[in-house]
Amino acid sequence: MSDFTLNATKRSDIGKGASRRLRREANMIPAVVYGGKEDAQSLTLSHNQVIRFLEEEAFYSSIITLDIEGETEEVLLKDLQRHPFKPKVLHMDLKRVVRGQEMHANAPLHFINEENAPGVKEGGVVSHQVTSVEIICMPRHLPEYVEVDMANVEMGGVVHLSDLTLPEGVRLAAFEQGEDNDLSVANIVPPTVSASSDDEATEEAPEAEGEEAPEAEEGGEE
């Protein structure tokens, strides 16, 4: 399990105007922590620290130590609001982790052995339908990722949620609502016709009968 400590301060000045001032003038991020037996608490986070952590994949699925003015608690990143085109985070939601209680979390998928898949060796292309899954587990069993082994997938073959080998103590949230939610995770499909092949076919096609286009006059507008 990766070790992330996120520093925060309590925030009493709330509202859209206050949040804009935080982001614009102090390079800080408004956030909220909720869950457990405690009330929700509005917080302020360092934008630079958050951006640095977001570059690491494990941050999205790890238990984070939240340090609020010297008092610590364990949380998960539950929601992240980004600016539509600037490299800025606008807001974060953090959920408290309660030891001894199951929790829901998102785990990224790591696709392995794609180059060894029979379908790929035949020229097929791997298509990923999802890149993460929602899991349920105790905090001590939280994995950084879930592996998807493509080693035996044939051309046209599909990997479903039920095909995943989950770590100890981990189950998929999708199946809590029934086995009908056995969604496709990845498949191997034949390669599509390249654009260059289409161009070659066009060049080799016979010209249509009819009047020839007039040649452009020499010279042109100055």
C-alpha atoms as a PDB file:
ATOM      1  CA  MET A   1       0.000   0.000   0.000  1.00  0.00           C
ATOM      2  CA  SER A   2       1.391   3.388  -0.972  1.00  0.00           C
ATOM      3  CA  ASP A   3       1.819   6.050   1.679  1.00  0.00           C
ATOM      4  CA  PHE A   4       0.174   9.405   0.946  1.00  0.00           C
ATOM      5  CA  THR A   5      -0.285  12.164   3.526  1.00  0.00           C
ATOM      6  CA  LEU A   6      -2.491  15.044   2.445  1.00  0.00           C
ATOM      7  CA  ASN A   7      -2.207  18.257   4.476  1.00  0.00           C
ATOM      8  CA  ALA A   8      -5.405  20.236   5.054  1.00  0.00           C
ATOM      9  CA  THR A   9      -6.760  23.167   7.008  1.00  0.00           C
ATOM     10  CA  LYS A  10     -10.309  23.722   8.224  1.00  0.00           C
ATOM     11  CA  ARG A  11     -12.427  26.117   6.197  1.00  0.00           C
ATOM     12  CA  SER A  12     -15.302  28.183   7.552  1.00  0.00           C
ATOM     13  CA  ASP A  13     -15.601  30.640   4.662  1.00  0.00           C
ATOM     14  CA  ILE A  14     -17.741  28.631   2.239  1.00  0.00           C
ATOM     15  CA  GLY A  15     -19.680  29.435  -0.918  1.00  0.00           C
ATOM     16  CA  LYS A  16     -18.844  29.860  -4.603  1.00  0.00           C
ATOM     17  CA  GLY A  17     -17.236  33.267  -4.125  1.00  0.00           C
ATOM     18  CA  ALA A  18     -14.984  32.037  -1.334  1.00  0.00           C
ATOM     19  CA  SER A  19     -13.997  28.971  -3.357  1.00  0.00           C
ATOM     20  CA  ARG A  20     -13.054  31.120  -6.353  1.00  0.00           C
ATOM     21  CA  ARG A  21     -10.882  33.353  -4.178  1.00  0.00           C
ATOM     22  CA  LEU A  22      -9.118  30.298  -2.742  1.00  0.00           C
ATOM     23  CA  ARG A  23      -8.283  28.941  -6.165  1.00  0.00           C
ATOM     24  CA  ARG A  24      -7.357  32.270  -7.745  1.00  0.00           C
ATOM     25  CA  GLU A  25      -5.530  34.097  -4.960  1.00  0.00           C
ATOM     26  CA  ALA A  26      -4.064  31.383  -2.746  1.00  0.00           C
ATOM     27  CA  ASN A  27      -3.592  28.480  -5.183  1.00  0.00           C
ATOM     28  CA  MET A  28      -5.628  26.292  -2.827  1.00  0.00           C
ATOM     29  CA  ILE A  29      -8.391  23.756  -3.445  1.00  0.00           C
ATOM     30  CA  PRO A  30     -11.722  23.667  -1.583  1.00  0.00           C
ATOM     31  CA  ALA A  31     -12.582  20.156  -0.406  1.00  0.00           C
ATOM     32  CA  VAL A  32     -14.929  18.274   1.894  1.00  0.00           C
ATOM     33  CA  VAL A  33     -14.406  15.167   4.028  1.00  0.00           C
ATOM     34  CA  TYR A  34     -17.449  13.131   5.072  1.00  0.00           C
ATOM     35  CA  GLY A  35     -18.535   9.701   6.260  1.00  0.00           C
ATOM     36  CA  GLY A  36     -18.141   7.722   9.449  1.00  0.00           C
ATOM     37  CA  LYS A  37     -19.686   9.049  12.636  1.00  0.00           C
ATOM     38  CA  GLU A  38     -18.298  12.567  12.236  1.00  0.00           C
ATOM     39  CA  ASP A  39     -19.998  15.498  10.543  1.00  0.00           C
ATOM     40  CA  ALA A  40     -18.864  16.618   7.124  1.00  0.00           C
ATOM     41  CA  GLN A  41     -15.996  19.117   7.309  1.00  0.00           C
ATOM     42  CA  SER A  42     -15.052  21.759   4.728  1.00  0.00           C
ATOM     43  CA  LEU A  43     -11.311  21.873   4.071  1.00  0.00           C
ATOM     44  CA  THR A  44      -8.614  23.647   2.119  1.00  0.00           C
ATOM     45  CA  LEU A  45      -5.870  21.689   0.326  1.00  0.00           C
ATOM     46  CA  SER A  46      -2.640  22.737  -1.357  1.00  0.00           C
ATOM     47  CA  HIS A  47      -3.103  22.665  -5.115  1.00  0.00           C
ATOM     48  CA  ASN A  48       0.592  21.915  -5.697  1.00  0.00           C
ATOM     49  CA  GLN A  49       0.548  18.918  -3.358  1.00  0.00           C
ATOM     50  CA  VAL A  50      -2.650  17.525  -4.863  1.00  0.00           C
ATOM     51  CA  ILE A  51      -1.369  17.871  -8.448  1.00  0.00           C
ATOM     52  CA  ARG A  52       1.831  16.057  -7.481  1.00  0.00           C
ATOM     53  CA  PHE A  53      -0.106  13.156  -5.929  1.00  0.00           C
ATOM     54  CA  LEU A  54      -2.506  12.901  -8.870  1.00  0.00           C
ATOM     55  CA  GLU A  55       0.425  12.011 -11.121  1.00  0.00           C
ATOM     56  CA  GLU A  56       0.693   8.680  -9.263  1.00  0.00           C
ATOM     57  CA  GLU A  57      -1.914   6.088 -10.194  1.00  0.00           C
ATOM     58  CA  ALA A  58      -1.884   4.542  -6.711  1.00  0.00           C
ATOM     59  CA  PHE A  59      -3.237   7.767  -5.192  1.00  0.00           C
ATOM     60  CA  TYR A  60      -6.678   7.132  -6.699  1.00  0.00           C
ATOM     61  CA  SER A  61      -7.083   3.760  -4.972  1.00  0.00           C
ATOM     62  CA  SER A  62      -5.036   4.097  -1.779  1.00  0.00           C
ATOM     63  CA  ILE A  63      -6.010   4.895   1.773  1.00  0.00           C
ATOM     64  CA  ILE A  64      -4.785   8.446   2.304  1.00  0.00           C
ATOM     65  CA  THR A  65      -3.706   9.930   5.610  1.00  0.00           C
ATOM     66  CA  LEU A  66      -5.492  13.273   5.922  1.00  0.00           C
ATOM     67  CA  ASP A  67      -3.673  15.629   8.296  1.00  0.00           C
ATOM     68  CA  ILE A  68      -6.084  18.372   9.424  1.00  0.00           C
ATOM     69  CA  GLU A  69      -4.062  20.851  11.439  1.00  0.00           C
ATOM     70  CA  GLY A  70      -2.247  18.078  13.305  1.00  0.00           C
ATOM     71  CA  GLU A  71      -5.171  15.654  13.641  1.00  0.00           C
ATOM     72  CA  THR A  72      -5.089  12.683  11.265  1.00  0.00           C
ATOM     73  CA  GLU A  73      -7.709  10.390   9.816  1.00  0.00           C
ATOM     74  CA  GLU A  74      -7.826   7.886   6.954  1.00  0.00           C
ATOM     75  CA  VAL A  75      -9.757   8.726   3.801  1.00  0.00           C
ATOM     76  CA  LEU A  76     -10.328   7.698   0.192  1.00  0.00           C
ATOM     77  CA  LEU A  77     -10.550  10.002  -2.805  1.00  0.00           C
ATOM     78  CA  LYS A  78     -14.214   9.750  -3.878  1.00  0.00           C
ATOM     79  CA  ASP A  79     -14.646  12.576  -6.383  1.00  0.00           C
ATOM     80  CA  LEU A  80     -12.477  15.039  -8.234  1.00  0.00           C
ATOM     81  CA  GLN A  81     -13.630  18.075 -10.207  1.00  0.00           C
ATOM     82  CA  ARG A  82     -11.157  19.373 -12.782  1.00  0.00           C
ATOM     83  CA  HIS A  83     -11.160  22.548 -14.846  1.00  0.00           C
ATOM     84  CA  PRO A  84     -12.500  21.759 -18.353  1.00  0.00           C
ATOM     85  CA  PHE A  85      -9.319  22.856 -20.135  1.00  0.00           C
ATOM     86  CA  LYS A  86      -6.775  24.187 -17.615  1.00  0.00           C
ATOM     87  CA  PRO A  87      -4.514  21.858 -15.570  1.00  0.00           C
ATOM     88  CA  LYS A  88      -6.317  22.787 -12.367  1.00  0.00           C
ATOM     89  CA  VAL A  89      -8.362  20.937  -9.761  1.00  0.00           C
ATOM     90  CA  LEU A  90     -11.519  22.773  -8.692  1.00  0.00           C
ATOM     91  CA  HIS A  91     -12.825  20.588  -5.846  1.00  0.00           C
ATOM     92  CA  MET A  92     -12.221  17.282  -4.066  1.00  0.00           C
ATOM     93  CA  ASP A  93     -14.457  14.931  -2.070  1.00  0.00           C
ATOM     94  CA  LEU A  94     -12.820  12.670   0.502  1.00  0.00           C
ATOM     95  CA  LYS A  95     -14.582   9.857   2.355  1.00  0.00           C
ATOM     96  CA  ARG A  96     -13.531   8.650   5.793  1.00  0.00           C
ATOM     97  CA  VAL A  97     -12.343   5.055   6.144  1.00  0.00           C
ATOM     98  CA  VAL A  98     -13.724   3.194   9.151  1.00  0.00           C
ATOM     99  CA  ARG A  99     -11.496   0.321  10.211  1.00  0.00           C
ATOM    100  CA  GLY A 100     -13.439  -2.890  10.680  1.00  0.00           C
ATOM    101  CA  GLN A 101     -16.117  -1.885   8.163  1.00  0.00           C
ATOM    102  CA  GLU A 102     -16.322  -2.785   4.487  1.00  0.00           C
ATOM    103  CA  MET A 103     -15.874   0.021   2.017  1.00  0.00           C
ATOM    104  CA  HIS A 104     -16.471   0.719  -1.655  1.00  0.00           C
ATOM    105  CA  ALA A 105     -13.504   1.884  -3.740  1.00  0.00           C
ATOM    106  CA  ASN A 106     -12.442   2.137  -7.377  1.00  0.00           C
ATOM    107  CA  ALA A 107      -9.480   0.005  -8.409  1.00  0.00           C
ATOM    108  CA  PRO A 108      -7.646   0.571 -11.714  1.00  0.00           C
ATOM    109  CA  LEU A 109      -7.229  -2.365 -14.090  1.00  0.00           C
ATOM    110  CA  HIS A 110      -3.769  -3.463 -15.203  1.00  0.00           C
ATOM    111  CA  PHE A 111      -3.866  -5.439 -18.463  1.00  0.00           C
ATOM    112  CA  ILE A 112      -1.051  -8.001 -18.652  1.00  0.00           C
ATOM    113  CA  ASN A 113       0.250 -10.487 -21.264  1.00  0.00           C
ATOM    114  CA  GLU A 114      -1.476  -8.707 -24.126  1.00  0.00           C
ATOM    115  CA  GLU A 115       1.455  -9.347 -26.470  1.00  0.00           C
ATOM    116  CA  ASN A 116       1.212 -13.109 -25.743  1.00  0.00           C
ATOM    117  CA  ALA A 117      -2.516 -13.388 -26.440  1.00  0.00           C
ATOM    118  CA  PRO A 118      -3.267 -15.751 -29.365  1.00  0.00           C
ATOM    119  CA  GLY A 119      -5.609 -13.160 -30.844  1.00  0.00           C
ATOM    120  CA  VAL A 120      -2.861 -10.514 -30.848  1.00  0.00           C
ATOM    121  CA  LYS A 121      -0.368 -12.924 -32.439  1.00  0.00           C
ATOM    122  CA  GLU A 122      -2.894 -13.405 -35.247  1.00  0.00           C
ATOM    123  CA  GLY A 123      -2.914  -9.644 -35.823  1.00  0.00           C
ATOM    124  CA  GLY A 124      -5.822  -8.714 -33.600  1.00  0.00           C
ATOM    125  CA  VAL A 125      -6.094  -5.536 -31.548  1.00  0.00           C
ATOM    126  CA  VAL A 126      -6.930  -5.371 -27.829  1.00  0.00           C
ATOM    127  CA  SER A 127      -9.876  -3.105 -27.000  1.00  0.00           C
ATOM    128  CA  HIS A 128     -10.398  -1.993 -23.373  1.00  0.00           C
ATOM    129  CA  GLN A 129     -14.038  -1.382 -22.442  1.00  0.00           C
ATOM    130  CA  VAL A 130     -13.288  -0.247 -18.880  1.00  0.00           C
ATOM    131  CA  THR A 131     -10.144   0.895 -17.084  1.00  0.00           C
ATOM    132  CA  SER A 132     -11.303   0.566 -13.466  1.00  0.00           C
ATOM    133  CA  VAL A 133     -13.837  -1.392 -11.400  1.00  0.00           C
ATOM    134  CA  GLU A 134     -15.737  -0.680  -8.216  1.00  0.00           C
ATOM    135  CA  ILE A 135     -14.793  -3.117  -5.484  1.00  0.00           C
ATOM    136  CA  ILE A 136     -15.945  -3.911  -1.951  1.00  0.00           C
ATOM    137  CA  CYS A 137     -13.486  -4.966   0.725  1.00  0.00           C
ATOM    138  CA  MET A 138     -12.179  -4.331   4.211  1.00  0.00           C
ATOM    139  CA  PRO A 139      -9.612  -1.513   4.412  1.00  0.00           C
ATOM    140  CA  ARG A 140      -6.754  -3.955   5.014  1.00  0.00           C
ATOM    141  CA  HIS A 141      -7.534  -5.774   1.749  1.00  0.00           C
ATOM    142  CA  LEU A 142      -7.670  -2.707  -0.504  1.00  0.00           C
ATOM    143  CA  PRO A 143      -5.537  -3.408  -3.609  1.00  0.00           C
ATOM    144  CA  GLU A 144      -3.740  -0.758  -5.643  1.00  0.00           C
ATOM    145  CA  TYR A 145      -5.005  -2.402  -8.844  1.00  0.00           C
ATOM    146  CA  VAL A 146      -6.681  -5.503 -10.285  1.00  0.00           C
ATOM    147  CA  GLU A 147      -4.919  -7.505 -12.999  1.00  0.00           C
ATOM    148  CA  VAL A 148      -6.597  -8.570 -16.250  1.00  0.00           C
ATOM    149  CA  ASP A 149      -4.665 -11.467 -17.786  1.00  0.00           C
ATOM    150  CA  MET A 150      -5.050 -11.530 -21.578  1.00  0.00           C
ATOM    151  CA  ALA A 151      -2.669 -14.483 -22.131  1.00  0.00           C
ATOM    152  CA  ASN A 152      -5.305 -16.951 -23.381  1.00  0.00           C
ATOM    153  CA  VAL A 153      -7.702 -14.653 -25.234  1.00  0.00           C
ATOM    154  CA  GLU A 154      -8.343 -15.688 -28.851  1.00  0.00           C
ATOM    155  CA  MET A 155      -9.354 -13.512 -31.787  1.00  0.00           C
ATOM    156  CA  GLY A 156     -12.921 -12.365 -31.067  1.00  0.00           C
ATOM    157  CA  GLY A 157     -12.584 -13.432 -27.436  1.00  0.00           C
ATOM    158  CA  VAL A 158     -14.043 -11.354 -24.605  1.00  0.00           C
ATOM    159  CA  VAL A 159     -12.939 -10.957 -20.978  1.00  0.00           C
ATOM    160  CA  HIS A 160     -15.848 -10.358 -18.584  1.00  0.00           C
ATOM    161  CA  LEU A 161     -15.923  -9.210 -14.981  1.00  0.00           C
ATOM    162  CA  SER A 162     -16.475 -12.817 -13.918  1.00  0.00           C
ATOM    163  CA  ASP A 163     -13.153 -13.763 -15.551  1.00  0.00           C
ATOM    164  CA  LEU A 164     -11.130 -11.496 -13.261  1.00  0.00           C
ATOM    165  CA  THR A 165      -8.987 -13.044 -10.531  1.00  0.00           C
ATOM    166  CA  LEU A 166      -9.580 -10.804  -7.521  1.00  0.00           C
ATOM    167  CA  PRO A 167      -7.199 -10.389  -4.581  1.00  0.00           C
ATOM    168  CA  GLU A 168      -8.083 -11.976  -1.247  1.00  0.00           C
ATOM    169  CA  GLY A 169     -11.046 -10.397   0.511  1.00  0.00           C
ATOM    170  CA  VAL A 170     -12.129  -8.368  -2.551  1.00  0.00           C
ATOM    171  CA  ARG A 171     -15.407  -8.676  -4.484  1.00  0.00           C
ATOM    172  CA  LEU A 172     -16.992  -6.711  -7.291  1.00  0.00           C
ATOM    173  CA  ALA A 173     -19.750  -4.225  -6.491  1.00  0.00           C
ATOM    174  CA  ALA A 174     -21.423  -4.952  -9.850  1.00  0.00           C
ATOM    175  CA  PHE A 175     -22.406  -8.451  -8.725  1.00  0.00           C
ATOM    176  CA  GLU A 176     -24.152  -7.138  -5.608  1.00  0.00           C
ATOM    177  CA  GLN A 177     -27.030  -6.257  -7.950  1.00  0.00           C
ATOM    178  CA  GLY A 178     -27.120  -9.619  -9.732  1.00  0.00           C
ATOM    179  CA  GLU A 179     -25.145 -11.788 -12.125  1.00  0.00           C
ATOM    180  CA  ASP A 180     -26.678  -9.933 -15.086  1.00  0.00           C
ATOM    181  CA  ASN A 181     -24.063  -7.224 -14.520  1.00  0.00           C
ATOM    182  CA  ASP A 182     -21.235  -9.382 -15.874  1.00  0.00           C
ATOM    183  CA  LEU A 183     -19.962  -6.628 -18.150  1.00  0.00           C
ATOM    184  CA  SER A 184     -17.265  -6.865 -20.799  1.00  0.00           C
ATOM    185  CA  VAL A 185     -13.841  -5.655 -19.677  1.00  0.00           C
ATOM    186  CA  ALA A 186     -11.779  -6.182 -22.836  1.00  0.00           C
ATOM    187  CA  ASN A 187     -11.800  -8.068 -26.131  1.00  0.00           C
ATOM    188  CA  ILE A 188      -9.585  -8.758 -29.137  1.00  0.00           C
ATOM    189  CA  VAL A 189     -10.906  -7.647 -32.505  1.00  0.00           C
ATOM    190  CA  PRO A 190      -9.560  -7.929 -36.068  1.00  0.00           C
ATOM    191  CA  PRO A 191      -7.561  -4.907 -37.257  1.00  0.00           C
ATOM    192  CA  THR A 192      -9.515  -2.295 -39.185  1.00  0.00           C
ATOM    193  CA  VAL A 193      -8.660  -1.402 -42.799  1.00  0.00           C
ATOM    194  CA  SER A 194      -6.095   1.403 -42.758  1.00  0.00           C
ATOM    195  CA  ALA A 195      -6.719   4.710 -44.439  1.00  0.00           C
ATOM    196  CA  SER A 196      -3.722   4.123 -46.747  1.00  0.00           C
ATOM    197  CA  SER A 197      -5.366   0.963 -48.114  1.00  0.00           C
ATOM    198  CA  ASP A 198      -8.503   2.941 -48.885  1.00  0.00           C
ATOM    199  CA  ASP A 199      -6.430   5.583 -50.681  1.00  0.00           C
ATOM    200  CA  GLU A 200      -4.671   2.958 -52.795  1.00  0.00           C
ATOM    201  CA  ALA A 201      -8.017   1.440 -53.758  1.00  0.00           C
ATOM    202  CA  THR A 202      -9.260   4.857 -54.797  1.00  0.00           C
ATOM    203  CA  GLU A 203      -6.168   5.527 -56.929  1.00  0.00           C
ATOM    204  CA  GLU A 204      -6.499   2.176 -58.724  1.00  0.00           C
ATOM    205  CA  ALA A 205     -10.222   2.599 -59.434  1.00  0.00           C
ATOM    206  CA  PRO A 206     -11.049   3.421 -63.092  1.00  0.00           C
ATOM    207  CA  GLU A 207     -12.037   6.975 -63.854  1.00  0.00           C
ATOM    208  CA  ALA A 208     -15.749   7.615 -64.376  1.00  0.00           C
ATOM    209  CA  GLU A 209     -16.866   8.372 -67.907  1.00  0.00           C
ATOM    210  CA  GLY A 210     -17.796  11.940 -68.695  1.00  0.00           C
ATOM    211  CA  GLU A 211     -16.314  15.310 -69.513  1.00  0.00           C
ATOM    212  CA  GLU A 212     -12.809  15.958 -68.273  1.00  0.00           C
ATOM    213  CA  ALA A 213     -12.377  18.779 -65.864  1.00  0.00           C
ATOM    214  CA  PRO A 214     -10.899  21.862 -67.519  1.00  0.00           C
ATOM    215  CA  GLU A 215      -7.239  22.455 -66.783  1.00  0.00           C
ATOM    216  CA  ALA A 216      -6.460  25.351 -64.532  1.00  0.00           C
ATOM    217  CA  GLU A 217      -5.219  28.433 -66.291  1.00  0.00           C
ATOM    218  CA  GLU A 218      -1.591  29.250 -65.857  1.00  0.00           C
ATOM    219  CA  GLY A 219      -0.805  31.960 -63.454  1.00  0.00           C
ATOM    220  CA  GLY A 220      -3.309  33.085 -60.885  1.00  0.00           C
ATOM    221  CA  GLU A 221      -4.456  35.950 -58.769  1.00  0.00           C
ATOM    222  CA  GLU A 222      -1.683  38.113 -57.454  1.00  0.00           C
END
